Structures are given as structure tokens and as C-alpha cells.
Amino acid sequence: MLIRPAGAYDSDVIWPLLRDVFRRGDTYAVDPAISRQDALAYWVDRPDATFVAEHQERVLGTYYLCPNQSGGGAHVCNCGYIVDPSARGQGVARAMCEHSQEIAREIGYRAMQFNFVLESNEGAIRLWTRLGFQIIGTIPEAFDHPSLGYVAAHIMHKSLI
């Protein structure tokens, strides 16, 4: 698997991944009706960097990396990850998370924080925990899940130094 910076030419493969995840409305606090333009701005234009994971020229996933806060909090980064459903369980999310930590260290980030990991996203919580992230806080009833109703969201953190 190759993880490489996303280019403008990747928009046509990133958009369907974003669209499908955002439309489901069960993991990201993003308007399910978000437009292509706004979704790509959120995922590709706003962050410091966006990457794609590919195998044999097929994009299996994508992630972005950006400061979690500005000013005095800019040394902590945030990431978002999406894996193509057909590639789940193949180590793509793990590879992207490990890659994102390497890139974050190279850029000079001192920590990585995920602000809104839904308690219903058990696979992500399990993986992030295995990769050294800790739940440092929980927001009760933070997200109105389309099938589960209100669920809590965890804040997960890992030092990169």
C-alpha cells in the first residue's frame, strides 16, 4: 500500500468516499447534505495536508491532517480518516493513522487529538486505543445518531514526543 499526498486529480476519487460517509451521518458531525465543493474544501483545502492510501492505483482511503486549534494550541494536530467500505479490515485505517503520526512529527506537532469519536464507532475506538490513544474526556449525548439516537463522543489524545 502506498500512502501519498492527495493531488487535485484525486478529487474525483475522494468525493465518493466523503459523500457516502457524510450522507450516512453516523460517524462525522458534518451536514449529510454537504455539497461536493464544500466537502472537498473541508477535507482537502482547509487542512495542512491530505493523503490517499492506494494499492495498485486504486484509492482505498484518505485522511487529512490539520492543527486542532490555532495560536497557542497549534502544536496539537487533528486528523480525519475514511476507508472505502470494500477495503475495511485490511489494515488501511491503521496504516493511515501510523502514517499521519509520522507526518505530524515531521511537521513539528507534539500531540494528536481526535475531538469527536462517537462511542458507537467501536472499531475506531478499538484501533485508536491499540495505537496508543487514550480517551481523555467524554461528551454525553453529543451526537444524534440516525439509528441509535443520542450517543456520547470521546476526545482521544496521544503525545507524539
Protein backbone atom coordinates (compact mmCIF):
# COMPACT_ATOMS: atom_id res chain seq x y z
CA MET A 1 0.00 0.00 0.00
CA LEU A 2 1.24 3.46 -0.90
CA ILE A 3 0.19 6.50 1.14
CA ARG A 4 0.84 9.68 -0.78
CA PRO A 5 -0.21 13.33 -0.74
CA ALA A 6 -3.52 13.88 -2.46
CA GLY A 7 -3.45 15.98 -5.61
CA ALA A 8 -6.15 17.96 -7.36
CA TYR A 9 -6.64 14.95 -9.66
CA ASP A 10 -7.73 12.86 -6.64
CA SER A 11 -10.91 14.87 -6.05
CA ASP A 12 -12.96 12.52 -8.20
CA VAL A 13 -12.00 9.51 -6.04
CA ILE A 14 -12.05 11.31 -2.68
CA TRP A 15 -15.51 12.80 -3.21
CA PRO A 16 -17.41 9.46 -3.36
CA LEU A 17 -15.71 8.32 -0.14
CA LEU A 18 -16.66 11.56 1.62
CA ARG A 19 -20.14 11.65 0.12
CA ASP A 20 -21.04 8.16 1.24
CA VAL A 21 -19.72 8.57 4.79
CA PHE A 22 -21.19 12.05 5.27
CA ARG A 23 -24.56 11.02 3.79
CA ARG A 24 -24.80 8.07 6.21
CA GLY A 25 -24.47 10.58 9.02
CA ASP A 26 -23.28 8.05 11.58
CA THR A 27 -19.64 8.97 12.22
CA TYR A 28 -18.86 12.59 11.26
CA ALA A 29 -20.59 15.72 12.56
CA VAL A 30 -20.97 17.03 9.02
CA ASP A 31 -24.21 18.01 7.31
CA PRO A 32 -25.29 14.87 5.42
CA ALA A 33 -26.41 17.09 2.54
CA ILE A 34 -22.99 18.76 2.18
CA SER A 35 -22.13 19.66 -1.40
CA ARG A 36 -19.17 18.21 -3.26
CA GLN A 37 -17.48 21.61 -3.27
CA ASP A 38 -17.93 22.11 0.48
CA ALA A 39 -16.91 18.55 1.33
CA LEU A 40 -13.71 18.82 -0.69
CA ALA A 41 -12.97 22.22 0.86
CA TYR A 42 -13.43 20.67 4.33
CA TRP A 43 -11.28 17.60 3.58
CA VAL A 44 -8.71 18.82 1.05
CA ASP A 45 -8.45 22.62 1.02
CA ARG A 46 -8.62 23.53 4.74
CA PRO A 47 -6.15 21.03 6.25
CA ASP A 48 -2.34 21.28 6.26
CA ALA A 49 -2.22 18.09 4.23
CA THR A 50 -4.47 15.43 2.75
CA PHE A 51 -3.31 11.95 1.80
CA VAL A 52 -4.70 8.96 -0.02
CA ALA A 53 -3.88 5.30 0.57
CA GLU A 54 -3.79 3.30 -2.62
CA HIS A 55 -2.99 -0.17 -3.80
CA GLN A 56 -2.46 -0.93 -7.47
CA GLU A 57 -3.63 2.59 -8.36
CA ARG A 58 -6.95 2.11 -6.50
CA VAL A 59 -7.66 4.55 -3.68
CA LEU A 60 -8.61 2.63 -0.54
CA GLY A 61 -8.81 5.53 1.90
CA THR A 62 -7.99 9.12 2.67
CA TYR A 63 -7.04 11.24 5.63
CA TYR A 64 -6.40 14.86 6.45
CA LEU A 65 -4.08 16.48 8.99
CA CYS A 66 -4.52 19.98 10.43
CA PRO A 67 -3.95 21.96 13.61
CA ASN A 68 -6.54 21.14 16.24
CA GLN A 69 -6.57 24.78 17.36
CA SER A 70 -4.78 27.95 16.33
CA GLY A 71 -2.37 30.12 18.27
CA GLY A 72 -1.15 28.55 21.48
CA GLY A 73 -2.90 25.27 20.65
CA ALA A 74 -1.43 24.85 17.17
CA HIS A 75 1.14 22.27 18.33
CA VAL A 76 -1.64 19.66 18.66
CA CYS A 77 -2.99 18.25 15.40
CA ASN A 78 -6.26 16.66 14.41
CA CYS A 79 -6.94 14.09 11.70
CA GLY A 80 -9.92 12.56 9.97
CA TYR A 81 -9.84 9.17 8.26
CA ILE A 82 -12.15 7.45 5.78
CA VAL A 83 -11.69 3.95 4.38
CA ASP A 84 -13.53 2.60 1.35
CA PRO A 85 -16.04 0.03 2.66
CA SER A 86 -14.62 -2.62 0.33
CA ALA A 87 -11.19 -2.19 1.96
CA ARG A 88 -12.26 -2.34 5.62
CA GLY A 89 -10.49 -4.89 7.78
CA GLN A 90 -7.39 -4.80 5.57
CA GLY A 91 -5.24 -2.52 7.76
CA VAL A 92 -5.87 0.67 5.79
CA ALA A 93 -7.01 2.76 8.77
CA ARG A 94 -4.09 1.51 10.86
CA ALA A 95 -1.60 2.33 8.10
CA MET A 96 -3.09 5.80 7.61
CA CYS A 97 -3.07 6.54 11.35
CA GLU A 98 0.54 5.40 11.71
CA HIS A 99 1.48 7.44 8.63
CA SER A 100 -0.33 10.51 9.95
CA GLN A 101 1.62 10.31 13.21
CA GLU A 102 4.92 10.20 11.30
CA ILE A 103 3.93 13.18 9.16
CA ALA A 104 2.68 15.09 12.21
CA ARG A 105 6.03 14.59 13.95
CA GLU A 106 7.90 15.73 10.83
CA ILE A 107 5.78 18.90 10.69
CA GLY A 108 6.50 19.54 14.38
CA TYR A 109 3.27 18.62 16.11
CA ARG A 110 3.68 17.49 19.72
CA ALA A 111 0.38 15.63 20.08
CA MET A 112 -2.60 14.33 18.13
CA GLN A 113 -6.17 14.71 19.32
CA PHE A 114 -9.41 13.35 17.94
CA ASN A 115 -12.18 15.64 19.15
CA PHE A 116 -15.30 13.67 18.39
CA VAL A 117 -15.00 9.88 18.26
CA LEU A 118 -18.52 8.53 18.68
CA GLU A 119 -18.91 5.81 21.29
CA SER A 120 -20.86 3.88 18.65
CA ASN A 121 -17.75 3.81 16.42
CA GLU A 122 -16.34 0.85 18.34
CA GLY A 123 -13.90 -0.20 15.63
CA ALA A 124 -12.24 3.21 15.57
CA ILE A 125 -12.04 3.37 19.36
CA ARG A 126 -10.50 -0.09 19.48
CA LEU A 127 -7.92 0.78 16.81
CA TRP A 128 -7.01 4.20 18.20
CA THR A 129 -6.59 2.65 21.66
CA ARG A 130 -4.32 -0.06 20.24
CA LEU A 131 -2.25 2.69 18.62
CA GLY A 132 -1.71 4.43 21.96
CA PHE A 133 -4.54 6.96 22.09
CA GLN A 134 -6.35 7.49 25.37
CA ILE A 135 -9.87 8.68 26.00
CA ILE A 136 -9.35 11.89 27.96
CA GLY A 137 -12.95 13.04 28.05
CA THR A 138 -16.47 12.13 27.05
CA ILE A 139 -19.27 14.43 25.94
CA PRO A 140 -22.63 12.86 26.86
CA GLU A 141 -25.33 12.78 24.17
CA ALA A 142 -23.07 14.78 21.83
CA PHE A 143 -24.34 13.34 18.55
CA ASP A 144 -27.79 12.49 17.24
CA HIS A 145 -27.03 9.19 15.52
CA PRO A 146 -29.53 8.34 12.75
CA SER A 147 -30.37 4.90 14.15
CA LEU A 148 -29.14 4.92 17.78
CA GLY A 149 -30.37 8.32 18.90
CA TYR A 150 -28.12 10.42 21.10
CA VAL A 151 -24.68 8.93 21.68
CA ALA A 152 -21.62 10.18 23.53
CA ALA A 153 -18.47 11.39 21.80
CA HIS A 154 -14.98 10.78 23.14
CA ILE A 155 -11.98 13.05 22.99
CA MET A 156 -8.92 10.90 22.32
CA HIS A 157 -5.31 12.05 22.66
CA LYS A 158 -1.79 10.81 22.10
CA SER A 159 1.53 12.50 22.76
CA LEU A 160 3.86 12.46 19.74
CA ILE A 161 7.03 13.32 21.65
